[in-house]
Amino acid sequence: MGQLRQHSPVVLFLAAFSRHAAALDWARRRATDRWGPLALATDPFDFDDTGYYDATMGRGLKKTLWAFRELTDPASLVDIKRQTNDWEAEYARTFVGDEARPLNLDPGYVTEAKLVLATTKDRDHRIYLSRGIYAEVTLYYRRGQGWQARSWTYPDYRSPAYHDFLTRCRNYLRERKHAD
């Protein structure tokens, strides 16, 4: 029988996208109020790898990636995803504009070995966690080769810019683990 162990804390990751800078600012304030200061962040960049969101979010989307300073328990991913869904709904209720979904928030976490994203959609490669939330290993890290995609990895997560950010997250995690 295997020995049960507590999982090490992970870096909380949040991808936010919208065509409205105000929505991204609002989401950043909500997230940092809830989970504390950011350790790492990207500037907003064009999110044009897919037209999937055009009908509900419009065109000209900008995306930003955030990693939080405080490490978190990976078991909290269900609560985190449900919180970000609530924030999306709250922002949509107060938003004055044409988009049905003016803000999209995709949380997950980074370990030394993988990026895990939370979702409400079931697919063959996703594992049900609880309370309507699933998880997938979107990328995995291979020593000497860096971040590796799976067949289901979204096109944007295959890009060198994402891999650079995730490597910074991985390095941050390693530094924090060795400092404690």
N, C-alpha and C. Protein backbone atom coordinates (compact mmCIF):
# COMPACT_ATOMS: atom_id res chain seq x y z
N MET A 1 0.85 -1.17 0.00
CA MET A 1 0.00 0.00 0.00
C MET A 1 0.90 1.24 0.00
N GLY A 2 0.50 2.22 -0.81
CA GLY A 2 1.25 3.46 -0.87
C GLY A 2 1.08 4.30 0.39
N GLN A 3 2.07 5.11 0.65
CA GLN A 3 2.04 6.00 1.81
C GLN A 3 1.29 7.28 1.45
N LEU A 4 0.28 7.64 2.25
CA LEU A 4 -0.46 8.87 2.02
C LEU A 4 0.38 10.05 2.46
N ARG A 5 0.41 11.09 1.61
CA ARG A 5 1.17 12.30 1.91
C ARG A 5 0.34 13.52 1.51
N GLN A 6 0.55 14.60 2.21
CA GLN A 6 -0.06 15.87 1.85
C GLN A 6 0.66 16.41 0.61
N HIS A 7 -0.09 16.95 -0.35
CA HIS A 7 0.52 17.52 -1.55
C HIS A 7 1.21 18.83 -1.19
N SER A 8 2.32 19.09 -1.80
CA SER A 8 3.02 20.36 -1.60
C SER A 8 2.18 21.50 -2.15
N PRO A 9 2.30 22.69 -1.57
CA PRO A 9 1.58 23.86 -2.12
C PRO A 9 2.03 24.14 -3.56
N VAL A 10 1.18 24.81 -4.29
CA VAL A 10 1.39 25.09 -5.71
C VAL A 10 1.23 26.59 -5.96
N VAL A 11 1.62 27.01 -7.15
CA VAL A 11 1.43 28.40 -7.57
C VAL A 11 0.04 28.52 -8.19
N LEU A 12 -0.77 29.39 -7.61
CA LEU A 12 -2.09 29.68 -8.16
C LEU A 12 -1.92 30.51 -9.43
N PHE A 13 -2.56 30.05 -10.50
CA PHE A 13 -2.46 30.63 -11.84
C PHE A 13 -3.84 31.10 -12.26
N LEU A 14 -3.90 32.27 -12.91
CA LEU A 14 -5.18 32.76 -13.44
C LEU A 14 -4.93 33.43 -14.78
N ALA A 15 -5.64 32.96 -15.80
CA ALA A 15 -5.65 33.60 -17.11
C ALA A 15 -6.95 34.39 -17.20
N ALA A 16 -6.85 35.64 -17.61
CA ALA A 16 -8.03 36.51 -17.73
C ALA A 16 -8.04 37.10 -19.14
N PHE A 17 -9.22 37.07 -19.77
CA PHE A 17 -9.29 37.75 -21.06
C PHE A 17 -10.63 38.42 -21.28
N SER A 18 -10.54 39.50 -22.07
CA SER A 18 -11.67 40.36 -22.37
C SER A 18 -11.24 41.31 -23.48
N ARG A 19 -12.19 41.98 -24.10
CA ARG A 19 -11.81 43.05 -25.02
C ARG A 19 -11.84 44.40 -24.33
N HIS A 20 -12.11 44.39 -23.03
CA HIS A 20 -12.23 45.62 -22.25
C HIS A 20 -11.16 45.67 -21.16
N ALA A 21 -10.30 46.67 -21.23
CA ALA A 21 -9.24 46.82 -20.22
C ALA A 21 -9.84 46.97 -18.83
N ALA A 22 -10.99 47.63 -18.73
CA ALA A 22 -11.63 47.81 -17.43
C ALA A 22 -12.03 46.47 -16.80
N ALA A 23 -12.43 45.52 -17.64
CA ALA A 23 -12.80 44.20 -17.13
C ALA A 23 -11.57 43.48 -16.56
N LEU A 24 -10.46 43.58 -17.26
CA LEU A 24 -9.23 42.95 -16.78
C LEU A 24 -8.75 43.61 -15.48
N ASP A 25 -8.86 44.93 -15.40
CA ASP A 25 -8.49 45.63 -14.17
C ASP A 25 -9.39 45.21 -13.01
N TRP A 26 -10.69 45.11 -13.28
CA TRP A 26 -11.66 44.69 -12.26
C TRP A 26 -11.31 43.28 -11.76
N ALA A 27 -11.02 42.38 -12.70
CA ALA A 27 -10.70 41.00 -12.33
C ALA A 27 -9.41 40.94 -11.50
N ARG A 28 -8.44 41.73 -11.88
CA ARG A 28 -7.18 41.74 -11.12
C ARG A 28 -7.41 42.22 -9.69
N ARG A 29 -8.22 43.26 -9.54
CA ARG A 29 -8.52 43.75 -8.18
C ARG A 29 -9.25 42.67 -7.36
N ARG A 30 -10.24 42.04 -7.97
CA ARG A 30 -10.98 40.97 -7.27
C ARG A 30 -10.04 39.85 -6.84
N ALA A 31 -9.20 39.42 -7.77
CA ALA A 31 -8.31 38.30 -7.51
C ALA A 31 -7.28 38.63 -6.43
N THR A 32 -6.69 39.81 -6.49
CA THR A 32 -5.68 40.16 -5.49
C THR A 32 -6.32 40.45 -4.14
N ASP A 33 -7.54 40.96 -4.14
CA ASP A 33 -8.25 41.14 -2.87
C ASP A 33 -8.48 39.78 -2.21
N ARG A 34 -8.75 38.77 -3.02
CA ARG A 34 -9.07 37.43 -2.50
C ARG A 34 -7.83 36.59 -2.19
N TRP A 35 -6.86 36.60 -3.11
CA TRP A 35 -5.72 35.69 -2.99
C TRP A 35 -4.39 36.38 -2.72
N GLY A 36 -4.40 37.68 -2.56
CA GLY A 36 -3.18 38.39 -2.23
C GLY A 36 -2.43 38.88 -3.46
N PRO A 37 -1.28 39.49 -3.22
CA PRO A 37 -0.52 40.12 -4.30
C PRO A 37 -0.04 39.11 -5.35
N LEU A 38 0.21 39.66 -6.52
CA LEU A 38 0.75 38.86 -7.61
C LEU A 38 2.26 38.70 -7.43
N ALA A 39 2.75 37.54 -7.78
CA ALA A 39 4.19 37.30 -7.85
C ALA A 39 4.68 37.58 -9.26
N LEU A 40 3.85 37.22 -10.25
CA LEU A 40 4.22 37.34 -11.66
C LEU A 40 2.99 37.72 -12.46
N ALA A 41 3.21 38.48 -13.53
CA ALA A 41 2.11 38.87 -14.41
C ALA A 41 2.66 39.19 -15.79
N THR A 42 1.81 39.00 -16.79
CA THR A 42 2.16 39.45 -18.13
C THR A 42 1.40 40.74 -18.41
N ASP A 43 1.87 41.51 -19.35
CA ASP A 43 1.08 42.61 -19.88
C ASP A 43 0.00 41.99 -20.74
N PRO A 44 -1.14 42.66 -20.89
CA PRO A 44 -2.17 42.13 -21.80
C PRO A 44 -1.62 41.98 -23.22
N PHE A 45 -1.98 40.89 -23.86
CA PHE A 45 -1.53 40.63 -25.22
C PHE A 45 -2.72 40.19 -26.06
N ASP A 46 -2.59 40.26 -27.36
CA ASP A 46 -3.67 39.85 -28.26
C ASP A 46 -3.96 38.37 -28.09
N PHE A 47 -5.25 38.07 -27.94
CA PHE A 47 -5.70 36.68 -27.85
C PHE A 47 -6.50 36.39 -29.11
N ASP A 48 -5.79 35.93 -30.14
CA ASP A 48 -6.41 35.73 -31.44
C ASP A 48 -6.11 34.34 -32.02
N ASP A 49 -5.85 33.39 -31.13
CA ASP A 49 -5.55 32.03 -31.57
C ASP A 49 -6.79 31.24 -31.97
N THR A 50 -7.96 31.76 -31.63
CA THR A 50 -9.19 31.05 -31.92
C THR A 50 -10.33 32.05 -32.09
N GLY A 51 -11.32 31.67 -32.86
CA GLY A 51 -12.53 32.47 -32.99
C GLY A 51 -13.66 31.94 -32.12
N TYR A 52 -13.35 30.98 -31.27
CA TYR A 52 -14.35 30.30 -30.44
C TYR A 52 -15.17 31.27 -29.60
N TYR A 53 -14.55 32.33 -29.10
CA TYR A 53 -15.23 33.24 -28.18
C TYR A 53 -15.87 34.45 -28.88
N ASP A 54 -15.72 34.58 -30.18
CA ASP A 54 -16.22 35.77 -30.89
C ASP A 54 -17.71 36.02 -30.64
N ALA A 55 -18.52 34.99 -30.67
CA ALA A 55 -19.97 35.17 -30.55
C ALA A 55 -20.38 35.70 -29.17
N THR A 56 -19.71 35.29 -28.13
CA THR A 56 -20.12 35.70 -26.77
C THR A 56 -19.26 36.81 -26.18
N MET A 57 -18.03 36.98 -26.70
CA MET A 57 -17.12 37.96 -26.11
C MET A 57 -16.70 39.06 -27.08
N GLY A 58 -17.01 38.89 -28.36
CA GLY A 58 -16.58 39.87 -29.35
C GLY A 58 -15.17 39.60 -29.84
N ARG A 59 -14.71 40.47 -30.73
CA ARG A 59 -13.36 40.35 -31.29
C ARG A 59 -12.44 41.34 -30.60
N GLY A 60 -11.14 41.17 -30.86
CA GLY A 60 -10.16 42.08 -30.28
C GLY A 60 -9.87 41.78 -28.81
N LEU A 61 -9.90 40.50 -28.46
CA LEU A 61 -9.68 40.11 -27.07
C LEU A 61 -8.22 40.30 -26.66
N LYS A 62 -8.04 40.68 -25.42
CA LYS A 62 -6.72 40.79 -24.78
C LYS A 62 -6.71 39.78 -23.64
N LYS A 63 -5.55 39.19 -23.43
CA LYS A 63 -5.41 38.19 -22.38
C LYS A 63 -4.20 38.53 -21.53
N THR A 64 -4.29 38.19 -20.26
CA THR A 64 -3.17 38.37 -19.35
C THR A 64 -3.09 37.16 -18.43
N LEU A 65 -1.89 36.86 -17.97
CA LEU A 65 -1.65 35.72 -17.10
C LEU A 65 -1.12 36.23 -15.77
N TRP A 66 -1.63 35.67 -14.69
CA TRP A 66 -1.22 36.08 -13.35
C TRP A 66 -0.84 34.85 -12.53
N ALA A 67 0.15 35.03 -11.68
CA ALA A 67 0.53 34.03 -10.68
C ALA A 67 0.62 34.74 -9.35
N PHE A 68 0.09 34.12 -8.31
CA PHE A 68 -0.03 34.76 -7.00
C PHE A 68 1.13 34.41 -6.09
N ARG A 69 1.49 35.38 -5.26
CA ARG A 69 2.65 35.25 -4.38
C ARG A 69 2.49 34.10 -3.39
N GLU A 70 1.32 34.03 -2.75
CA GLU A 70 1.10 32.98 -1.75
C GLU A 70 0.84 31.64 -2.43
N LEU A 71 1.56 30.63 -2.01
CA LEU A 71 1.33 29.30 -2.54
C LEU A 71 0.01 28.78 -1.97
N THR A 72 -0.62 27.86 -2.70
CA THR A 72 -1.95 27.39 -2.32
C THR A 72 -2.02 25.87 -2.34
N ASP A 73 -3.01 25.36 -1.67
CA ASP A 73 -3.28 23.93 -1.66
C ASP A 73 -4.00 23.57 -2.96
N PRO A 74 -3.50 22.60 -3.73
CA PRO A 74 -4.17 22.26 -4.99
C PRO A 74 -5.60 21.76 -4.79
N ALA A 75 -5.92 21.27 -3.61
CA ALA A 75 -7.28 20.80 -3.35
C ALA A 75 -8.29 21.95 -3.34
N SER A 76 -7.82 23.19 -3.30
CA SER A 76 -8.72 24.34 -3.30
C SER A 76 -9.17 24.73 -4.71
N LEU A 77 -8.73 24.00 -5.74
CA LEU A 77 -9.04 24.37 -7.12
C LEU A 77 -10.55 24.44 -7.39
N VAL A 78 -11.32 23.56 -6.81
CA VAL A 78 -12.77 23.59 -7.01
C VAL A 78 -13.34 24.92 -6.50
N ASP A 79 -12.98 25.31 -5.30
CA ASP A 79 -13.48 26.58 -4.74
C ASP A 79 -13.01 27.76 -5.57
N ILE A 80 -11.78 27.70 -6.04
CA ILE A 80 -11.23 28.81 -6.84
C ILE A 80 -11.99 28.94 -8.15
N LYS A 81 -12.24 27.84 -8.84
CA LYS A 81 -12.98 27.90 -10.11
C LYS A 81 -14.40 28.39 -9.90
N ARG A 82 -15.04 27.93 -8.85
CA ARG A 82 -16.41 28.39 -8.57
C ARG A 82 -16.40 29.89 -8.26
N GLN A 83 -15.36 30.37 -7.57
CA GLN A 83 -15.26 31.80 -7.27
C GLN A 83 -15.08 32.60 -8.56
N THR A 84 -14.22 32.14 -9.46
CA THR A 84 -14.02 32.89 -10.70
C THR A 84 -15.27 32.86 -11.57
N ASN A 85 -16.02 31.77 -11.54
CA ASN A 85 -17.30 31.74 -12.27
C ASN A 85 -18.27 32.77 -11.70
N ASP A 86 -18.31 32.88 -10.37
CA ASP A 86 -19.17 33.88 -9.73
C ASP A 86 -18.76 35.29 -10.14
N TRP A 87 -17.46 35.54 -10.19
CA TRP A 87 -16.97 36.87 -10.59
C TRP A 87 -17.36 37.18 -12.04
N GLU A 88 -17.22 36.19 -12.93
CA GLU A 88 -17.63 36.41 -14.32
C GLU A 88 -19.10 36.80 -14.39
N ALA A 89 -19.94 36.08 -13.66
CA ALA A 89 -21.39 36.37 -13.67
C ALA A 89 -21.66 37.74 -13.07
N GLU A 90 -20.98 38.08 -11.99
CA GLU A 90 -21.16 39.39 -11.35
C GLU A 90 -20.78 40.51 -12.31
N TYR A 91 -19.65 40.36 -12.98
CA TYR A 91 -19.23 41.40 -13.91
C TYR A 91 -20.21 41.52 -15.08
N ALA A 92 -20.70 40.41 -15.59
CA ALA A 92 -21.65 40.43 -16.71
C ALA A 92 -22.94 41.14 -16.32
N ARG A 93 -23.39 40.98 -15.07
CA ARG A 93 -24.63 41.64 -14.62
C ARG A 93 -24.50 43.16 -14.59
N THR A 94 -23.30 43.66 -14.31
CA THR A 94 -23.11 45.11 -14.19
C THR A 94 -22.56 45.73 -15.46
N PHE A 95 -22.17 44.91 -16.43
CA PHE A 95 -21.54 45.38 -17.65
C PHE A 95 -22.56 46.04 -18.58
N VAL A 96 -22.18 47.17 -19.12
CA VAL A 96 -23.01 47.86 -20.11
C VAL A 96 -22.32 47.69 -21.46
N GLY A 97 -22.86 46.82 -22.29
CA GLY A 97 -22.26 46.54 -23.59
C GLY A 97 -22.99 45.41 -24.27
N ASP A 98 -22.47 45.04 -25.43
CA ASP A 98 -23.15 44.05 -26.27
C ASP A 98 -22.80 42.60 -25.97
N GLU A 99 -21.66 42.36 -25.34
CA GLU A 99 -21.20 41.00 -25.14
C GLU A 99 -21.98 40.31 -24.02
N ALA A 100 -22.34 39.06 -24.28
CA ALA A 100 -22.99 38.24 -23.25
C ALA A 100 -21.98 37.85 -22.17
N ARG A 101 -20.74 37.72 -22.57
CA ARG A 101 -19.67 37.31 -21.64
C ARG A 101 -18.49 38.28 -21.80
N PRO A 102 -18.51 39.36 -21.07
CA PRO A 102 -17.45 40.35 -21.24
C PRO A 102 -16.12 40.01 -20.59
N LEU A 103 -16.10 38.95 -19.77
CA LEU A 103 -14.90 38.58 -19.04
C LEU A 103 -14.83 37.07 -18.92
N ASN A 104 -13.64 36.50 -19.14
CA ASN A 104 -13.42 35.07 -18.98
C ASN A 104 -12.23 34.89 -18.04
N LEU A 105 -12.40 34.05 -17.03
CA LEU A 105 -11.36 33.77 -16.05
C LEU A 105 -11.11 32.26 -16.00
N ASP A 106 -9.87 31.88 -16.23
CA ASP A 106 -9.50 30.47 -16.24
C ASP A 106 -8.42 30.20 -15.19
N PRO A 107 -8.82 29.68 -14.03
CA PRO A 107 -7.82 29.40 -12.99
C PRO A 107 -7.20 28.01 -13.14
N GLY A 108 -6.08 27.87 -12.50
CA GLY A 108 -5.39 26.60 -12.43
C GLY A 108 -4.23 26.72 -11.48
N TYR A 109 -3.33 25.78 -11.58
CA TYR A 109 -2.13 25.86 -10.75
C TYR A 109 -0.94 25.26 -11.49
N VAL A 110 0.25 25.70 -11.02
CA VAL A 110 1.51 25.24 -11.59
C VAL A 110 2.27 24.49 -10.51
N THR A 111 2.74 23.29 -10.86
CA THR A 111 3.67 22.54 -10.02
C THR A 111 5.00 22.50 -10.76
N GLU A 112 5.96 21.82 -10.21
CA GLU A 112 7.22 21.67 -10.93
C GLU A 112 7.04 20.79 -12.16
N ALA A 113 5.98 20.00 -12.19
CA ALA A 113 5.79 19.02 -13.26
C ALA A 113 4.67 19.33 -14.24
N LYS A 114 3.76 20.26 -13.90
CA LYS A 114 2.59 20.42 -14.77
C LYS A 114 1.84 21.73 -14.53
N LEU A 115 1.02 22.07 -15.54
CA LEU A 115 0.01 23.12 -15.43
C LEU A 115 -1.33 22.43 -15.46
N VAL A 116 -2.12 22.64 -14.41
CA VAL A 116 -3.46 22.08 -14.31
C VAL A 116 -4.46 23.23 -14.44
N LEU A 117 -5.44 23.09 -15.34
CA LEU A 117 -6.50 24.09 -15.48
C LEU A 117 -7.82 23.49 -15.03
N ALA A 118 -8.66 24.35 -14.45
CA ALA A 118 -10.00 23.95 -14.03
C ALA A 118 -11.01 24.34 -15.10
N THR A 119 -12.07 23.56 -15.19
CA THR A 119 -13.11 23.82 -16.19
C THR A 119 -14.44 23.25 -15.69
N THR A 120 -15.52 23.70 -16.31
CA THR A 120 -16.84 23.13 -16.02
C THR A 120 -17.26 22.13 -17.09
N LYS A 121 -16.41 21.94 -18.08
CA LYS A 121 -16.76 21.07 -19.21
C LYS A 121 -16.07 19.70 -19.10
N ASP A 122 -16.86 18.65 -19.21
CA ASP A 122 -16.32 17.29 -19.18
C ASP A 122 -15.85 16.89 -20.57
N ARG A 123 -14.72 16.26 -20.63
CA ARG A 123 -14.19 15.66 -21.86
C ARG A 123 -13.47 14.37 -21.47
N ASP A 124 -13.07 13.60 -22.45
CA ASP A 124 -12.46 12.30 -22.18
C ASP A 124 -11.15 12.39 -21.40
N HIS A 125 -10.47 13.50 -21.47
CA HIS A 125 -9.17 13.65 -20.81
C HIS A 125 -9.24 14.42 -19.49
N ARG A 126 -10.43 14.77 -19.06
CA ARG A 126 -10.60 15.55 -17.83
C ARG A 126 -11.10 14.67 -16.70
N ILE A 127 -10.66 15.03 -15.50
CA ILE A 127 -11.03 14.30 -14.30
C ILE A 127 -12.01 15.14 -13.50
N TYR A 128 -13.10 14.51 -13.08
CA TYR A 128 -14.08 15.20 -12.25
C TYR A 128 -13.50 15.37 -10.85
N LEU A 129 -13.57 16.60 -10.33
CA LEU A 129 -13.10 16.87 -8.97
C LEU A 129 -14.27 16.84 -8.00
N SER A 130 -15.17 17.81 -8.11
CA SER A 130 -16.41 17.84 -7.32
C SER A 130 -17.17 19.10 -7.67
N ARG A 131 -18.46 19.12 -7.28
CA ARG A 131 -19.32 20.29 -7.40
C ARG A 131 -19.29 20.94 -8.79
N GLY A 132 -19.27 20.08 -9.82
CA GLY A 132 -19.35 20.56 -11.20
C GLY A 132 -18.04 21.00 -11.83
N ILE A 133 -16.91 20.73 -11.17
CA ILE A 133 -15.62 21.19 -11.66
C ILE A 133 -14.74 20.00 -12.05
N TYR A 134 -14.09 20.14 -13.20
CA TYR A 134 -13.16 19.16 -13.74
C TYR A 134 -11.77 19.79 -13.81
N ALA A 135 -10.77 18.95 -13.97
CA ALA A 135 -9.40 19.44 -14.13
C ALA A 135 -8.72 18.68 -15.25
N GLU A 136 -7.79 19.37 -15.90
CA GLU A 136 -6.97 18.72 -16.91
C GLU A 136 -5.52 19.16 -16.76
N VAL A 137 -4.62 18.25 -17.07
CA VAL A 137 -3.21 18.60 -17.18
C VAL A 137 -3.03 19.14 -18.59
N THR A 138 -2.91 20.45 -18.70
CA THR A 138 -2.83 21.13 -19.99
C THR A 138 -1.44 21.04 -20.58
N LEU A 139 -0.43 21.17 -19.73
CA LEU A 139 0.97 21.06 -20.14
C LEU A 139 1.72 20.27 -19.08
N TYR A 140 2.80 19.64 -19.48
CA TYR A 140 3.67 18.99 -18.50
C TYR A 140 5.11 19.42 -18.78
N TYR A 141 5.92 19.36 -17.75
CA TYR A 141 7.31 19.82 -17.86
C TYR A 141 8.24 18.61 -17.94
N ARG A 142 9.08 18.61 -18.95
CA ARG A 142 10.07 17.55 -19.11
C ARG A 142 11.46 18.16 -19.01
N ARG A 143 12.24 17.66 -18.06
CA ARG A 143 13.59 18.18 -17.85
C ARG A 143 14.39 18.13 -19.15
N GLY A 144 15.02 19.24 -19.44
CA GLY A 144 15.85 19.33 -20.64
C GLY A 144 15.07 19.68 -21.90
N GLN A 145 13.75 19.61 -21.82
CA GLN A 145 12.93 19.90 -23.00
C GLN A 145 11.88 20.97 -22.73
N GLY A 146 11.67 21.33 -21.48
CA GLY A 146 10.71 22.37 -21.14
C GLY A 146 9.28 21.88 -21.16
N TRP A 147 8.38 22.82 -21.40
CA TRP A 147 6.94 22.53 -21.37
C TRP A 147 6.53 21.76 -22.61
N GLN A 148 5.71 20.73 -22.40
CA GLN A 148 5.25 19.86 -23.47
C GLN A 148 3.73 19.89 -23.54
N ALA A 149 3.21 19.94 -24.76
CA ALA A 149 1.77 19.97 -24.97
C ALA A 149 1.20 18.56 -25.06
N ARG A 150 -0.07 18.47 -24.79
CA ARG A 150 -0.86 17.24 -25.02
C ARG A 150 -1.68 17.47 -26.29
N SER A 151 -2.31 16.44 -26.78
CA SER A 151 -3.12 16.60 -27.99
C SER A 151 -4.27 17.58 -27.77
N TRP A 152 -4.73 17.74 -26.53
CA TRP A 152 -5.85 18.62 -26.23
C TRP A 152 -5.42 20.03 -25.80
N THR A 153 -4.14 20.28 -25.72
CA THR A 153 -3.66 21.59 -25.25
C THR A 153 -4.13 22.69 -26.21
N TYR A 154 -4.71 23.73 -25.63
CA TYR A 154 -5.19 24.87 -26.42
C TYR A 154 -4.02 25.50 -27.19
N PRO A 155 -4.28 26.05 -28.38
CA PRO A 155 -3.19 26.61 -29.19
C PRO A 155 -2.37 27.68 -28.47
N ASP A 156 -3.02 28.57 -27.73
CA ASP A 156 -2.26 29.63 -27.06
C ASP A 156 -1.31 29.07 -26.01
N TYR A 157 -1.70 27.99 -25.34
CA TYR A 157 -0.84 27.39 -24.32
C TYR A 157 0.36 26.65 -24.92
N ARG A 158 0.42 26.53 -26.22
CA ARG A 158 1.55 25.92 -26.90
C ARG A 158 2.64 26.95 -27.23
N SER A 159 2.35 28.22 -27.02
CA SER A 159 3.25 29.28 -27.47
C SER A 159 4.45 29.48 -26.54
N PRO A 160 5.57 29.91 -27.10
CA PRO A 160 6.76 30.20 -26.28
C PRO A 160 6.51 31.25 -25.20
N ALA A 161 5.65 32.22 -25.46
CA ALA A 161 5.38 33.25 -24.45
C ALA A 161 4.72 32.64 -23.21
N TYR A 162 3.77 31.74 -23.39
CA TYR A 162 3.15 31.06 -22.27
C TYR A 162 4.18 30.19 -21.55
N HIS A 163 4.98 29.48 -22.33
CA HIS A 163 5.98 28.60 -21.73
C HIS A 163 6.98 29.40 -20.91
N ASP A 164 7.35 30.58 -21.40
CA ASP A 164 8.26 31.44 -20.64
C ASP A 164 7.63 31.85 -19.31
N PHE A 165 6.37 32.26 -19.36
CA PHE A 165 5.68 32.66 -18.13
C PHE A 165 5.58 31.47 -17.17
N LEU A 166 5.23 30.31 -17.67
CA LEU A 166 5.09 29.13 -16.81
C LEU A 166 6.43 28.68 -16.25
N THR A 167 7.49 28.87 -16.99
CA THR A 167 8.82 28.58 -16.46
C THR A 167 9.15 29.53 -15.32
N ARG A 168 8.77 30.79 -15.47
CA ARG A 168 8.96 31.74 -14.37
C ARG A 168 8.14 31.31 -13.15
N CYS A 169 6.93 30.83 -13.36
CA CYS A 169 6.11 30.32 -12.25
C CYS A 169 6.78 29.11 -11.60
N ARG A 170 7.26 28.20 -12.42
CA ARG A 170 7.93 27.00 -11.91
C ARG A 170 9.17 27.38 -11.09
N ASN A 171 9.95 28.31 -11.61
CA ASN A 171 11.14 28.75 -10.89
C ASN A 171 10.77 29.44 -9.58
N TYR A 172 9.71 30.23 -9.61
CA TYR A 172 9.24 30.89 -8.39
C TYR A 172 8.85 29.84 -7.34
N LEU A 173 8.13 28.83 -7.77
CA LEU A 173 7.74 27.75 -6.86
C LEU A 173 8.97 27.07 -6.27
N ARG A 174 9.94 26.76 -7.10
CA ARG A 174 11.15 26.09 -6.64
C ARG A 174 11.90 26.97 -5.63
N GLU A 175 11.98 28.26 -5.91
CA GLU A 175 12.65 29.18 -4.98
C GLU A 175 11.91 29.23 -3.63
N ARG A 176 10.59 29.29 -3.69
CA ARG A 176 9.80 29.34 -2.46
C ARG A 176 9.94 28.05 -1.66
N LYS A 177 9.94 26.92 -2.33
CA LYS A 177 10.06 25.63 -1.63
C LYS A 177 11.42 25.51 -0.93
N HIS A 178 12.47 25.99 -1.60
CA HIS A 178 13.80 25.88 -1.01
C HIS A 178 14.04 26.92 0.06
N ALA A 179 13.28 28.02 0.04
CA ALA A 179 13.42 29.06 1.06
C ALA A 179 12.74 28.67 2.35
N ASP A 180 11.69 27.84 2.26
CA ASP A 180 10.93 27.45 3.46
C ASP A 180 11.61 26.37 4.26
